[in-house]
Amino acid sequence: MPIPVATWNVWWRFGDWAARRLAIVETVRPADPDILCIQEGVGGRRIDHRRHLGFEHRLWAPGR
């Protein structure tokens, strides 16, 4: 059975964060992944995709 996985390097250090967050959710939602991997999240701007996309779990780990 296939498990849909999506990955995205969003590198959101600069720019209008509210607009980018909405764009990320609107882009990912139609793909309907079971697992979503986000790279380049910066500090407190990480978003909880469970709330926006209906995921049951979230795992966050710092980069190098």
Protein backbone atom coordinates (compact mmCIF):
# COMPACT_ATOMS: atom_id res chain seq x y z
CA MET A 1 0.00 0.00 0.00
CA PRO A 2 1.53 3.37 -1.00
CA ILE A 3 2.12 6.01 1.66
CA PRO A 4 1.92 9.54 0.20
CA VAL A 5 4.84 11.69 1.38
CA ALA A 6 5.48 15.35 0.56
CA THR A 7 8.64 17.29 1.33
CA TRP A 8 9.27 21.02 0.94
CA ASN A 9 12.13 23.36 1.73
CA VAL A 10 10.19 26.53 2.57
CA TRP A 11 13.12 28.69 3.80
CA TRP A 12 10.93 31.39 5.28
CA ARG A 13 13.40 33.71 6.96
CA PHE A 14 12.27 36.76 4.97
CA GLY A 15 9.03 38.06 3.50
CA ASP A 16 5.39 38.18 4.53
CA TRP A 17 5.06 35.15 6.80
CA ALA A 18 1.24 35.16 6.96
CA ALA A 19 0.97 35.04 3.16
CA ARG A 20 3.60 32.30 2.92
CA ARG A 21 1.91 30.17 5.58
CA LEU A 22 -1.38 30.35 3.68
CA ALA A 23 0.38 29.53 0.39
CA ILE A 24 2.07 26.49 1.96
CA VAL A 25 -1.22 25.15 3.30
CA GLU A 26 -3.08 25.80 0.03
CA THR A 27 -0.34 24.10 -1.98
CA VAL A 28 0.03 21.03 0.26
CA ARG A 29 -3.67 20.38 0.93
CA PRO A 30 -4.56 19.10 -2.61
CA ALA A 31 -1.63 16.65 -2.49
CA ASP A 32 -3.21 15.12 0.65
CA PRO A 33 0.04 13.56 1.95
CA ASP A 34 0.06 11.17 4.91
CA ILE A 35 3.50 12.52 5.84
CA LEU A 36 4.68 16.10 5.30
CA CYS A 37 8.35 17.00 5.77
CA ILE A 38 9.18 20.71 6.03
CA GLN A 39 12.79 21.89 5.90
CA GLU A 40 14.32 25.30 6.72
CA GLY A 41 11.81 26.28 9.38
CA VAL A 42 13.25 29.23 11.29
CA GLY A 43 12.81 29.73 15.04
CA GLY A 44 9.32 30.52 16.34
CA ARG A 45 7.89 30.67 12.83
CA ARG A 46 7.38 26.93 12.66
CA ILE A 47 3.76 26.14 11.97
CA ASP A 48 1.68 23.36 13.41
CA HIS A 49 0.37 21.66 10.26
CA ARG A 50 -1.84 19.41 12.34
CA ARG A 51 -4.15 22.35 12.89
CA HIS A 52 -4.04 23.60 9.29
CA LEU A 53 -3.97 20.29 7.40
CA GLY A 54 -5.59 17.80 9.77
CA PHE A 55 -2.53 15.72 10.73
CA GLU A 56 -2.73 13.73 13.96
CA HIS A 57 0.93 14.06 14.94
CA ARG A 58 3.83 16.48 14.62
CA LEU A 59 7.55 15.99 15.13
CA TRP A 60 9.99 18.88 15.13
CA ALA A 61 13.75 18.50 15.30
CA PRO A 62 16.42 21.21 15.03
CA GLY A 63 18.83 21.13 12.10
CA ARG A 64 22.57 21.09 12.38
